[in-house]
Amino acid sequence: MAGTPRKRARKSAPPSEPAPPRRPGRPCAVRPEDTPATKDRICERITGGESVRSICDDPDMPCRSTVLQWLCDDAEFQAKCARARELQADVIFDDLSDLEEKVSLGTLAPDAARVVIGSKQWRAGRLAPKKYGDKVAVEQTGANGGPIQHWVGGPGAMTIGEWEQQCIAADEAKKLPAPDPNAEG
């Protein structure tokens, strides 16, 4: 215990300079030289089905704000994460067959499986909408299923066809008669 008095003496001595203010939150666990490897590990864990929040809760990983900042600043990391999310949808979709098997074996109640399957389908559809999303067909029709009417000047004014007819009639009214070659002038 020879070191105890020395420590106490240091603590009681006034500091020569004030310590810099500490930033709130946990300290960053990532060293700059580890950043590419850390980014790759994050993408691998996203692909495996983990959320960014659960990954960042790991003490060996950077805090969530750091990862979100990387997503904003690094286009390559952003593309890798987007690809990892698409692959995560595949992993989630593959989990559905395991749930089906558990229901058929009787180890999982059908009502519980329905809730879990619905949730997983929804997540897969949001992560990869082209592959697992609901197909949305958009059909546009006019009033009573007729063709779409395009209005000039707002609804209730006139259709484009009516406007064109008015323009043609106005042009014909403005036409002057052709000069008579026999007229004296």
N, C-alpha and C. Protein backbone atom coordinates (compact mmCIF):
# COMPACT_ATOMS: atom_id res chain seq x y z
N MET A 1 0.81 -1.18 0.00
CA MET A 1 0.00 0.00 0.00
C MET A 1 0.86 1.25 0.00
N ALA A 2 2.03 1.12 -0.57
CA ALA A 2 2.93 2.26 -0.61
C ALA A 2 2.40 3.33 -1.55
N GLY A 3 1.59 2.94 -2.52
CA GLY A 3 1.10 3.90 -3.50
C GLY A 3 -0.09 4.71 -3.02
N THR A 4 -0.72 4.31 -1.94
CA THR A 4 -1.94 4.99 -1.49
C THR A 4 -1.68 6.43 -1.07
N PRO A 5 -0.68 6.73 -0.21
CA PRO A 5 -0.47 8.13 0.16
C PRO A 5 -0.14 9.01 -1.03
N ARG A 6 0.61 8.47 -1.95
CA ARG A 6 0.98 9.26 -3.12
C ARG A 6 -0.24 9.66 -3.93
N LYS A 7 -1.17 8.73 -4.12
CA LYS A 7 -2.39 9.03 -4.86
C LYS A 7 -3.21 10.08 -4.15
N ARG A 8 -3.29 9.97 -2.84
CA ARG A 8 -4.07 10.94 -2.10
C ARG A 8 -3.44 12.32 -2.21
N ALA A 9 -2.14 12.37 -2.22
CA ALA A 9 -1.45 13.66 -2.32
C ALA A 9 -1.74 14.30 -3.67
N ARG A 10 -1.77 13.50 -4.72
CA ARG A 10 -2.06 14.05 -6.05
C ARG A 10 -3.49 14.57 -6.14
N LYS A 11 -4.42 13.85 -5.55
CA LYS A 11 -5.81 14.27 -5.63
C LYS A 11 -6.05 15.56 -4.86
N SER A 12 -5.34 15.74 -3.74
CA SER A 12 -5.58 16.93 -2.94
C SER A 12 -4.89 18.15 -3.52
N ALA A 13 -3.87 17.96 -4.37
CA ALA A 13 -3.17 19.10 -4.96
C ALA A 13 -4.05 19.73 -6.03
N PRO A 14 -4.09 21.06 -6.10
CA PRO A 14 -4.92 21.70 -7.13
C PRO A 14 -4.33 21.45 -8.51
N PRO A 15 -5.19 21.22 -9.49
CA PRO A 15 -4.67 20.99 -10.85
C PRO A 15 -4.11 22.28 -11.43
N SER A 16 -3.07 22.11 -12.24
CA SER A 16 -2.45 23.28 -12.85
C SER A 16 -3.35 23.87 -13.94
N GLU A 17 -4.05 23.02 -14.69
CA GLU A 17 -4.98 23.48 -15.73
C GLU A 17 -6.31 22.77 -15.55
N PRO A 18 -7.39 23.44 -15.83
CA PRO A 18 -8.68 22.74 -15.71
C PRO A 18 -8.81 21.67 -16.79
N ALA A 19 -9.41 20.58 -16.42
CA ALA A 19 -9.60 19.48 -17.37
C ALA A 19 -10.62 19.90 -18.42
N PRO A 20 -10.44 19.44 -19.67
CA PRO A 20 -11.42 19.79 -20.71
C PRO A 20 -12.77 19.14 -20.37
N PRO A 21 -13.86 19.77 -20.76
CA PRO A 21 -15.18 19.19 -20.44
C PRO A 21 -15.35 17.86 -21.15
N ARG A 22 -15.95 16.91 -20.47
CA ARG A 22 -16.16 15.59 -21.04
C ARG A 22 -17.46 15.58 -21.83
N ARG A 23 -17.43 14.90 -22.95
CA ARG A 23 -18.63 14.78 -23.76
C ARG A 23 -19.56 13.75 -23.13
N PRO A 24 -20.86 13.98 -23.19
CA PRO A 24 -21.79 13.01 -22.62
C PRO A 24 -21.82 11.74 -23.46
N GLY A 25 -22.25 10.65 -22.85
CA GLY A 25 -22.35 9.39 -23.56
C GLY A 25 -21.12 8.54 -23.36
N ARG A 26 -21.18 7.35 -23.91
CA ARG A 26 -20.04 6.47 -23.73
C ARG A 26 -18.92 6.86 -24.68
N PRO A 27 -17.70 6.60 -24.30
CA PRO A 27 -16.59 6.94 -25.19
C PRO A 27 -16.58 6.02 -26.40
N CYS A 28 -16.09 6.53 -27.50
CA CYS A 28 -16.05 5.76 -28.73
C CYS A 28 -15.05 4.63 -28.58
N ALA A 29 -15.49 3.40 -28.89
CA ALA A 29 -14.63 2.23 -28.73
C ALA A 29 -13.84 1.94 -29.99
N VAL A 30 -14.01 2.73 -31.03
CA VAL A 30 -13.37 2.45 -32.31
C VAL A 30 -12.19 3.38 -32.52
N ARG A 31 -11.07 2.79 -32.82
CA ARG A 31 -9.90 3.59 -33.18
C ARG A 31 -9.96 3.87 -34.67
N PRO A 32 -9.43 5.00 -35.13
CA PRO A 32 -9.53 5.34 -36.56
C PRO A 32 -8.97 4.26 -37.48
N GLU A 33 -7.95 3.56 -37.04
CA GLU A 33 -7.38 2.52 -37.91
C GLU A 33 -8.29 1.30 -38.02
N ASP A 34 -9.25 1.14 -37.11
CA ASP A 34 -10.17 0.01 -37.15
C ASP A 34 -11.44 0.31 -37.94
N THR A 35 -11.60 1.52 -38.42
CA THR A 35 -12.86 1.93 -39.01
C THR A 35 -13.30 1.05 -40.18
N PRO A 36 -12.47 0.75 -41.20
CA PRO A 36 -12.96 -0.09 -42.30
C PRO A 36 -13.40 -1.48 -41.83
N ALA A 37 -12.63 -2.07 -40.92
CA ALA A 37 -13.00 -3.40 -40.42
C ALA A 37 -14.28 -3.32 -39.61
N THR A 38 -14.44 -2.26 -38.84
CA THR A 38 -15.64 -2.09 -38.03
C THR A 38 -16.85 -1.90 -38.93
N LYS A 39 -16.71 -1.12 -39.97
CA LYS A 39 -17.82 -0.91 -40.90
C LYS A 39 -18.23 -2.23 -41.56
N ASP A 40 -17.24 -3.05 -41.91
CA ASP A 40 -17.55 -4.35 -42.51
C ASP A 40 -18.28 -5.26 -41.51
N ARG A 41 -17.84 -5.24 -40.24
CA ARG A 41 -18.50 -6.06 -39.22
C ARG A 41 -19.94 -5.59 -39.00
N ILE A 42 -20.16 -4.29 -39.04
CA ILE A 42 -21.53 -3.76 -38.89
C ILE A 42 -22.41 -4.27 -40.02
N CYS A 43 -21.90 -4.22 -41.24
CA CYS A 43 -22.68 -4.70 -42.39
C CYS A 43 -22.96 -6.19 -42.29
N GLU A 44 -21.98 -6.95 -41.83
CA GLU A 44 -22.19 -8.40 -41.67
C GLU A 44 -23.29 -8.68 -40.64
N ARG A 45 -23.28 -7.93 -39.57
CA ARG A 45 -24.28 -8.15 -38.52
C ARG A 45 -25.67 -7.68 -38.98
N ILE A 46 -25.73 -6.63 -39.78
CA ILE A 46 -27.02 -6.20 -40.35
C ILE A 46 -27.56 -7.30 -41.25
N THR A 47 -26.68 -7.88 -42.08
CA THR A 47 -27.09 -8.95 -42.97
C THR A 47 -27.61 -10.14 -42.17
N GLY A 48 -27.02 -10.40 -41.00
CA GLY A 48 -27.44 -11.51 -40.16
C GLY A 48 -28.78 -11.30 -39.48
N GLY A 49 -29.34 -10.09 -39.58
CA GLY A 49 -30.65 -9.85 -39.04
C GLY A 49 -30.68 -8.90 -37.85
N GLU A 50 -29.55 -8.39 -37.42
CA GLU A 50 -29.52 -7.49 -36.27
C GLU A 50 -29.86 -6.06 -36.69
N SER A 51 -30.40 -5.32 -35.76
CA SER A 51 -30.67 -3.91 -36.01
C SER A 51 -29.43 -3.09 -35.67
N VAL A 52 -29.36 -1.88 -36.21
CA VAL A 52 -28.23 -1.00 -35.90
C VAL A 52 -28.21 -0.69 -34.41
N ARG A 53 -29.38 -0.56 -33.82
CA ARG A 53 -29.45 -0.27 -32.38
C ARG A 53 -28.82 -1.39 -31.56
N SER A 54 -29.16 -2.65 -31.87
CA SER A 54 -28.59 -3.76 -31.09
C SER A 54 -27.10 -3.91 -31.36
N ILE A 55 -26.66 -3.61 -32.57
CA ILE A 55 -25.23 -3.67 -32.88
C ILE A 55 -24.48 -2.62 -32.06
N CYS A 56 -25.04 -1.43 -31.98
CA CYS A 56 -24.37 -0.33 -31.27
C CYS A 56 -24.43 -0.50 -29.76
N ASP A 57 -25.32 -1.35 -29.26
CA ASP A 57 -25.35 -1.64 -27.83
C ASP A 57 -24.16 -2.49 -27.40
N ASP A 58 -23.51 -3.14 -28.35
CA ASP A 58 -22.32 -3.94 -28.06
C ASP A 58 -21.18 -2.99 -27.68
N PRO A 59 -20.49 -3.25 -26.55
CA PRO A 59 -19.42 -2.33 -26.13
C PRO A 59 -18.24 -2.26 -27.10
N ASP A 60 -18.08 -3.27 -27.95
CA ASP A 60 -16.97 -3.27 -28.91
C ASP A 60 -17.30 -2.48 -30.18
N MET A 61 -18.52 -2.00 -30.27
CA MET A 61 -18.95 -1.27 -31.46
C MET A 61 -19.10 0.22 -31.15
N PRO A 62 -19.04 1.05 -32.18
CA PRO A 62 -19.22 2.49 -31.95
C PRO A 62 -20.66 2.81 -31.55
N CYS A 63 -20.84 3.99 -31.01
CA CYS A 63 -22.19 4.39 -30.61
C CYS A 63 -23.03 4.65 -31.86
N ARG A 64 -24.34 4.67 -31.66
CA ARG A 64 -25.27 4.78 -32.78
C ARG A 64 -25.08 6.08 -33.55
N SER A 65 -24.81 7.17 -32.86
CA SER A 65 -24.64 8.45 -33.56
C SER A 65 -23.43 8.41 -34.49
N THR A 66 -22.39 7.67 -34.10
CA THR A 66 -21.21 7.54 -34.97
C THR A 66 -21.58 6.78 -36.24
N VAL A 67 -22.31 5.70 -36.09
CA VAL A 67 -22.71 4.90 -37.26
C VAL A 67 -23.61 5.73 -38.17
N LEU A 68 -24.54 6.47 -37.59
CA LEU A 68 -25.42 7.31 -38.40
C LEU A 68 -24.63 8.41 -39.11
N GLN A 69 -23.60 8.93 -38.46
CA GLN A 69 -22.75 9.94 -39.09
C GLN A 69 -21.98 9.33 -40.26
N TRP A 70 -21.49 8.09 -40.06
CA TRP A 70 -20.80 7.40 -41.16
C TRP A 70 -21.74 7.22 -42.34
N LEU A 71 -23.00 6.88 -42.06
CA LEU A 71 -23.97 6.70 -43.14
C LEU A 71 -24.18 7.99 -43.93
N CYS A 72 -24.13 9.11 -43.23
CA CYS A 72 -24.32 10.40 -43.92
C CYS A 72 -23.08 10.81 -44.70
N ASP A 73 -21.90 10.53 -44.17
CA ASP A 73 -20.66 11.04 -44.75
C ASP A 73 -20.01 10.11 -45.77
N ASP A 74 -20.24 8.82 -45.66
CA ASP A 74 -19.50 7.84 -46.45
C ASP A 74 -20.45 7.13 -47.42
N ALA A 75 -20.38 7.48 -48.70
CA ALA A 75 -21.28 6.90 -49.71
C ALA A 75 -21.04 5.40 -49.88
N GLU A 76 -19.79 4.97 -49.75
CA GLU A 76 -19.48 3.55 -49.90
C GLU A 76 -20.11 2.74 -48.75
N PHE A 77 -19.99 3.26 -47.54
CA PHE A 77 -20.59 2.59 -46.38
C PHE A 77 -22.12 2.59 -46.50
N GLN A 78 -22.67 3.67 -47.01
CA GLN A 78 -24.11 3.76 -47.20
C GLN A 78 -24.58 2.70 -48.19
N ALA A 79 -23.84 2.52 -49.28
CA ALA A 79 -24.20 1.50 -50.28
C ALA A 79 -24.07 0.10 -49.70
N LYS A 80 -23.02 -0.13 -48.91
CA LYS A 80 -22.84 -1.45 -48.28
C LYS A 80 -23.98 -1.75 -47.32
N CYS A 81 -24.40 -0.75 -46.55
CA CYS A 81 -25.50 -0.95 -45.60
C CYS A 81 -26.82 -1.20 -46.34
N ALA A 82 -27.02 -0.51 -47.44
CA ALA A 82 -28.24 -0.72 -48.23
C ALA A 82 -28.28 -2.15 -48.77
N ARG A 83 -27.14 -2.61 -49.25
CA ARG A 83 -27.06 -4.00 -49.73
C ARG A 83 -27.25 -4.99 -48.58
N ALA A 84 -26.70 -4.66 -47.41
CA ALA A 84 -26.87 -5.53 -46.24
C ALA A 84 -28.34 -5.61 -45.84
N ARG A 85 -29.06 -4.50 -45.95
CA ARG A 85 -30.49 -4.50 -45.63
C ARG A 85 -31.27 -5.38 -46.60
N GLU A 86 -30.92 -5.34 -47.88
CA GLU A 86 -31.59 -6.20 -48.86
C GLU A 86 -31.33 -7.67 -48.53
N LEU A 87 -30.09 -7.98 -48.15
CA LEU A 87 -29.76 -9.35 -47.78
C LEU A 87 -30.44 -9.73 -46.47
N GLN A 88 -30.62 -8.77 -45.58
CA GLN A 88 -31.32 -9.02 -44.33
C GLN A 88 -32.76 -9.45 -44.63
N ALA A 89 -33.36 -8.87 -45.64
CA ALA A 89 -34.72 -9.27 -46.04
C ALA A 89 -34.73 -10.73 -46.46
N ASP A 90 -33.70 -11.18 -47.17
CA ASP A 90 -33.60 -12.59 -47.55
C ASP A 90 -33.49 -13.49 -46.33
N VAL A 91 -32.70 -13.07 -45.34
CA VAL A 91 -32.55 -13.85 -44.11
C VAL A 91 -33.89 -13.93 -43.38
N ILE A 92 -34.60 -12.81 -43.31
CA ILE A 92 -35.91 -12.79 -42.65
C ILE A 92 -36.88 -13.71 -43.39
N PHE A 93 -36.85 -13.65 -44.71
CA PHE A 93 -37.74 -14.50 -45.50
C PHE A 93 -37.40 -15.97 -45.29
N ASP A 94 -36.11 -16.30 -45.18
CA ASP A 94 -35.71 -17.69 -44.92
C ASP A 94 -36.20 -18.17 -43.56
N ASP A 95 -36.29 -17.26 -42.59
CA ASP A 95 -36.79 -17.63 -41.26
C ASP A 95 -38.24 -18.07 -41.30
N LEU A 96 -38.98 -17.62 -42.29
CA LEU A 96 -40.39 -17.99 -42.39
C LEU A 96 -40.57 -19.49 -42.57
N SER A 97 -39.68 -20.14 -43.32
CA SER A 97 -39.80 -21.59 -43.51
C SER A 97 -39.55 -22.32 -42.19
N ASP A 98 -38.65 -21.79 -41.36
CA ASP A 98 -38.42 -22.41 -40.04
C ASP A 98 -39.67 -22.31 -39.18
N LEU A 99 -40.35 -21.15 -39.24
CA LEU A 99 -41.58 -20.99 -38.47
C LEU A 99 -42.66 -21.95 -38.96
N GLU A 100 -42.77 -22.11 -40.27
CA GLU A 100 -43.76 -23.04 -40.83
C GLU A 100 -43.50 -24.45 -40.34
N GLU A 101 -42.23 -24.82 -40.29
CA GLU A 101 -41.87 -26.16 -39.83
C GLU A 101 -42.22 -26.35 -38.36
N LYS A 102 -41.98 -25.32 -37.54
CA LYS A 102 -42.31 -25.41 -36.12
C LYS A 102 -43.82 -25.57 -35.91
N VAL A 103 -44.60 -24.89 -36.73
CA VAL A 103 -46.05 -25.02 -36.62
C VAL A 103 -46.48 -26.42 -37.01
N SER A 104 -45.90 -26.95 -38.08
CA SER A 104 -46.29 -28.29 -38.53
C SER A 104 -45.86 -29.37 -37.54
N LEU A 105 -44.76 -29.13 -36.80
CA LEU A 105 -44.33 -30.09 -35.78
C LEU A 105 -45.09 -29.92 -34.47
N GLY A 106 -45.80 -28.81 -34.34
CA GLY A 106 -46.58 -28.57 -33.14
C GLY A 106 -45.81 -27.88 -32.03
N THR A 107 -44.60 -27.41 -32.29
CA THR A 107 -43.81 -26.72 -31.26
C THR A 107 -44.14 -25.23 -31.16
N LEU A 108 -44.92 -24.72 -32.10
CA LEU A 108 -45.31 -23.32 -32.08
C LEU A 108 -46.80 -23.23 -32.38
N ALA A 109 -47.51 -22.48 -31.57
CA ALA A 109 -48.95 -22.33 -31.76
C ALA A 109 -49.22 -21.56 -33.05
N PRO A 110 -50.22 -21.98 -33.81
CA PRO A 110 -50.52 -21.30 -35.08
C PRO A 110 -50.83 -19.81 -34.91
N ASP A 111 -51.51 -19.43 -33.84
CA ASP A 111 -51.84 -18.01 -33.63
C ASP A 111 -50.56 -17.19 -33.41
N ALA A 112 -49.64 -17.74 -32.64
CA ALA A 112 -48.39 -17.03 -32.40
C ALA A 112 -47.57 -16.97 -33.69
N ALA A 113 -47.60 -18.05 -34.44
CA ALA A 113 -46.86 -18.06 -35.71
C ALA A 113 -47.43 -17.05 -36.68
N ARG A 114 -48.75 -16.89 -36.68
CA ARG A 114 -49.38 -15.94 -37.59
C ARG A 114 -48.90 -14.51 -37.30
N VAL A 115 -48.78 -14.19 -36.03
CA VAL A 115 -48.31 -12.85 -35.66
C VAL A 115 -46.86 -12.66 -36.08
N VAL A 116 -46.02 -13.64 -35.80
CA VAL A 116 -44.59 -13.53 -36.12
C VAL A 116 -44.39 -13.51 -37.63
N ILE A 117 -45.09 -14.38 -38.34
CA ILE A 117 -44.95 -14.43 -39.79
C ILE A 117 -45.41 -13.12 -40.42
N GLY A 118 -46.53 -12.58 -39.94
CA GLY A 118 -47.00 -11.30 -40.47
C GLY A 118 -45.99 -10.19 -40.25
N SER A 119 -45.38 -10.17 -39.09
CA SER A 119 -44.36 -9.15 -38.79
C SER A 119 -43.14 -9.32 -39.68
N LYS A 120 -42.69 -10.54 -39.84
CA LYS A 120 -41.50 -10.79 -40.67
C LYS A 120 -41.78 -10.47 -42.14
N GLN A 121 -42.99 -10.80 -42.61
CA GLN A 121 -43.34 -10.47 -43.99
C GLN A 121 -43.35 -8.96 -44.18
N TRP A 122 -43.90 -8.24 -43.22
CA TRP A 122 -43.94 -6.78 -43.30
C TRP A 122 -42.54 -6.20 -43.35
N ARG A 123 -41.65 -6.69 -42.46
CA ARG A 123 -40.27 -6.18 -42.43
C ARG A 123 -39.53 -6.50 -43.73
N ALA A 124 -39.69 -7.72 -44.23
CA ALA A 124 -39.03 -8.09 -45.48
C ALA A 124 -39.54 -7.22 -46.62
N GLY A 125 -40.83 -6.92 -46.62
CA GLY A 125 -41.41 -6.07 -47.66
C GLY A 125 -40.90 -4.65 -47.61
N ARG A 126 -40.57 -4.16 -46.41
CA ARG A 126 -40.04 -2.79 -46.28
C ARG A 126 -38.55 -2.74 -46.60
N LEU A 127 -37.84 -3.82 -46.29
CA LEU A 127 -36.40 -3.82 -46.54
C LEU A 127 -36.08 -4.06 -48.02
N ALA A 128 -36.88 -4.86 -48.69
CA ALA A 128 -36.68 -5.14 -50.12
C ALA A 128 -38.05 -5.11 -50.81
N PRO A 129 -38.59 -3.91 -51.05
CA PRO A 129 -39.96 -3.82 -51.57
C PRO A 129 -40.13 -4.41 -52.96
N LYS A 130 -39.11 -4.34 -53.80
CA LYS A 130 -39.25 -4.89 -55.15
C LYS A 130 -39.38 -6.40 -55.11
N LYS A 131 -38.74 -7.02 -54.13
CA LYS A 131 -38.70 -8.47 -54.06
C LYS A 131 -39.84 -9.03 -53.19
N TYR A 132 -40.07 -8.43 -52.02
CA TYR A 132 -41.02 -8.99 -51.06
C TYR A 132 -42.20 -8.07 -50.76
N GLY A 133 -42.25 -6.90 -51.36
CA GLY A 133 -43.32 -5.95 -51.07
C GLY A 133 -44.61 -6.33 -51.78
N ASP A 134 -45.70 -5.71 -51.32
CA ASP A 134 -46.98 -5.92 -51.97
C ASP A 134 -46.99 -5.21 -53.31
N LYS A 135 -47.55 -5.87 -54.32
CA LYS A 135 -47.64 -5.25 -55.63
C LYS A 135 -48.80 -4.26 -55.61
N VAL A 136 -48.51 -3.06 -56.00
CA VAL A 136 -49.54 -2.02 -56.03
C VAL A 136 -49.80 -1.66 -57.49
N ALA A 137 -51.02 -1.91 -57.93
CA ALA A 137 -51.40 -1.56 -59.29
C ALA A 137 -52.19 -0.25 -59.24
N VAL A 138 -51.75 0.71 -60.01
CA VAL A 138 -52.42 2.00 -60.04
C VAL A 138 -53.09 2.16 -61.39
N GLU A 139 -54.40 2.33 -61.35
CA GLU A 139 -55.15 2.57 -62.57
C GLU A 139 -55.83 3.91 -62.45
N GLN A 140 -55.76 4.67 -63.49
CA GLN A 140 -56.39 5.98 -63.46
C GLN A 140 -57.52 6.01 -64.48
N THR A 141 -58.68 6.42 -64.01
CA THR A 141 -59.82 6.56 -64.90
C THR A 141 -60.52 7.86 -64.56
N GLY A 142 -61.30 8.31 -65.49
CA GLY A 142 -62.06 9.53 -65.28
C GLY A 142 -63.38 9.23 -64.58
N ALA A 143 -64.29 10.18 -64.64
CA ALA A 143 -65.59 10.03 -64.00
C ALA A 143 -66.35 8.86 -64.61
N ASN A 144 -66.99 8.06 -63.77
CA ASN A 144 -67.79 6.90 -64.18
C ASN A 144 -66.98 5.91 -65.02
N GLY A 145 -65.69 5.79 -64.77
CA GLY A 145 -64.85 4.83 -65.48
C GLY A 145 -64.44 5.27 -66.87
N GLY A 146 -64.77 6.47 -67.25
CA GLY A 146 -64.43 6.97 -68.58
C GLY A 146 -63.00 7.46 -68.65
N PRO A 147 -62.64 8.06 -69.77
CA PRO A 147 -61.26 8.55 -69.91
C PRO A 147 -61.01 9.75 -69.00
N ILE A 148 -59.76 9.96 -68.73
CA ILE A 148 -59.37 11.09 -67.89
C ILE A 148 -59.55 12.37 -68.68
N GLN A 149 -60.20 13.35 -68.08
CA GLN A 149 -60.41 14.63 -68.74
C GLN A 149 -59.34 15.61 -68.26
N HIS A 150 -58.73 16.30 -69.20
CA HIS A 150 -57.74 17.32 -68.87
C HIS A 150 -58.44 18.67 -68.99
N TRP A 151 -58.33 19.46 -67.96
CA TRP A 151 -59.02 20.73 -67.92
C TRP A 151 -58.07 21.89 -68.13
N VAL A 152 -58.56 22.88 -68.85
CA VAL A 152 -57.82 24.11 -69.02
C VAL A 152 -58.52 25.15 -68.15
N GLY A 153 -57.81 25.71 -67.21
CA GLY A 153 -58.43 26.70 -66.33
C GLY A 153 -59.12 26.09 -65.14
N GLY A 154 -58.89 24.83 -64.85
CA GLY A 154 -59.48 24.19 -63.68
C GLY A 154 -60.72 23.41 -64.03
N PRO A 155 -61.12 22.50 -63.16
CA PRO A 155 -62.33 21.71 -63.41
C PRO A 155 -63.55 22.61 -63.54
N GLY A 156 -64.43 22.27 -64.43
CA GLY A 156 -65.64 23.06 -64.63
C GLY A 156 -65.47 24.11 -65.71
N ALA A 157 -64.25 24.36 -66.15
CA ALA A 157 -64.04 25.37 -67.19
C ALA A 157 -64.35 24.74 -68.54
N MET A 158 -63.38 24.12 -69.17
CA MET A 158 -63.62 23.44 -70.44
C MET A 158 -62.54 22.38 -70.63
N THR A 159 -62.87 21.39 -71.43
CA THR A 159 -61.89 20.34 -71.72
C THR A 159 -60.93 20.86 -72.79
N ILE A 160 -59.87 20.12 -72.98
CA ILE A 160 -58.89 20.52 -74.00
C ILE A 160 -59.54 20.50 -75.39
N GLY A 161 -60.38 19.49 -75.63
CA GLY A 161 -61.07 19.42 -76.92
C GLY A 161 -61.96 20.63 -77.16
N GLU A 162 -62.71 21.05 -76.14
CA GLU A 162 -63.56 22.23 -76.28
C GLU A 162 -62.71 23.49 -76.50
N TRP A 163 -61.60 23.58 -75.81
CA TRP A 163 -60.70 24.73 -75.96
C TRP A 163 -60.14 24.78 -77.38
N GLU A 164 -59.75 23.60 -77.91
CA GLU A 164 -59.22 23.57 -79.28
C GLU A 164 -60.28 24.01 -80.29
N GLN A 165 -61.52 23.56 -80.09
CA GLN A 165 -62.59 23.96 -81.00
C GLN A 165 -62.82 25.47 -80.95
N GLN A 166 -62.76 26.05 -79.77
CA GLN A 166 -62.93 27.50 -79.65
C GLN A 166 -61.79 28.24 -80.35
N CYS A 167 -60.59 27.71 -80.23
CA CYS A 167 -59.44 28.36 -80.89
C CYS A 167 -59.58 28.30 -82.40
N ILE A 168 -60.01 27.17 -82.92
CA ILE A 168 -60.19 27.03 -84.36
C ILE A 168 -61.28 27.99 -84.85
N ALA A 169 -62.39 28.06 -84.12
CA ALA A 169 -63.48 28.96 -84.51
C ALA A 169 -63.01 30.42 -84.46
N ALA A 170 -62.21 30.77 -83.47
CA ALA A 170 -61.71 32.15 -83.37
C ALA A 170 -60.76 32.45 -84.51
N ASP A 171 -59.93 31.50 -84.87
CA ASP A 171 -59.00 31.72 -85.99
C ASP A 171 -59.76 31.90 -87.30
N GLU A 172 -60.81 31.12 -87.50
CA GLU A 172 -61.59 31.24 -88.73
C GLU A 172 -62.32 32.58 -88.78
N ALA A 173 -62.76 33.06 -87.63
CA ALA A 173 -63.46 34.35 -87.59
C ALA A 173 -62.49 35.50 -87.89
N LYS A 174 -61.26 35.35 -87.55
CA LYS A 174 -60.27 36.41 -87.79
C LYS A 174 -59.78 36.43 -89.23
N LYS A 175 -59.98 35.36 -89.97
CA LYS A 175 -59.47 35.32 -91.33
C LYS A 175 -60.16 36.37 -92.18
N LEU A 176 -59.36 37.09 -92.91
CA LEU A 176 -59.90 38.09 -93.84
C LEU A 176 -60.19 37.42 -95.17
N PRO A 177 -61.18 37.90 -95.87
CA PRO A 177 -61.46 37.29 -97.18
C PRO A 177 -60.28 37.54 -98.12
N ALA A 178 -60.06 36.58 -99.00
CA ALA A 178 -58.95 36.70 -99.96
C ALA A 178 -59.24 37.88 -100.89
N PRO A 179 -58.23 38.65 -101.26
CA PRO A 179 -58.45 39.81 -102.15
C PRO A 179 -58.97 39.34 -103.52
N ASP A 180 -59.88 40.11 -104.10
CA ASP A 180 -60.46 39.81 -105.40
C ASP A 180 -59.52 40.36 -106.47
N PRO A 181 -58.99 39.49 -107.36
CA PRO A 181 -58.05 39.97 -108.36
C PRO A 181 -58.70 40.90 -109.37
N ASN A 182 -60.03 40.84 -109.56
CA ASN A 182 -60.70 41.67 -110.54
C ASN A 182 -61.09 43.05 -109.99
N ALA A 183 -60.94 43.23 -108.72
CA ALA A 183 -61.37 44.49 -108.12
C ALA A 183 -60.41 45.59 -108.48
N GLU A 184 -60.95 46.76 -108.67
CA GLU A 184 -60.11 47.90 -109.00
C GLU A 184 -59.64 48.53 -107.73
N GLY A 185 -58.48 48.88 -107.70
CA GLY A 185 -58.03 49.35 -106.50
C GLY A 185 -57.42 50.53 -106.21
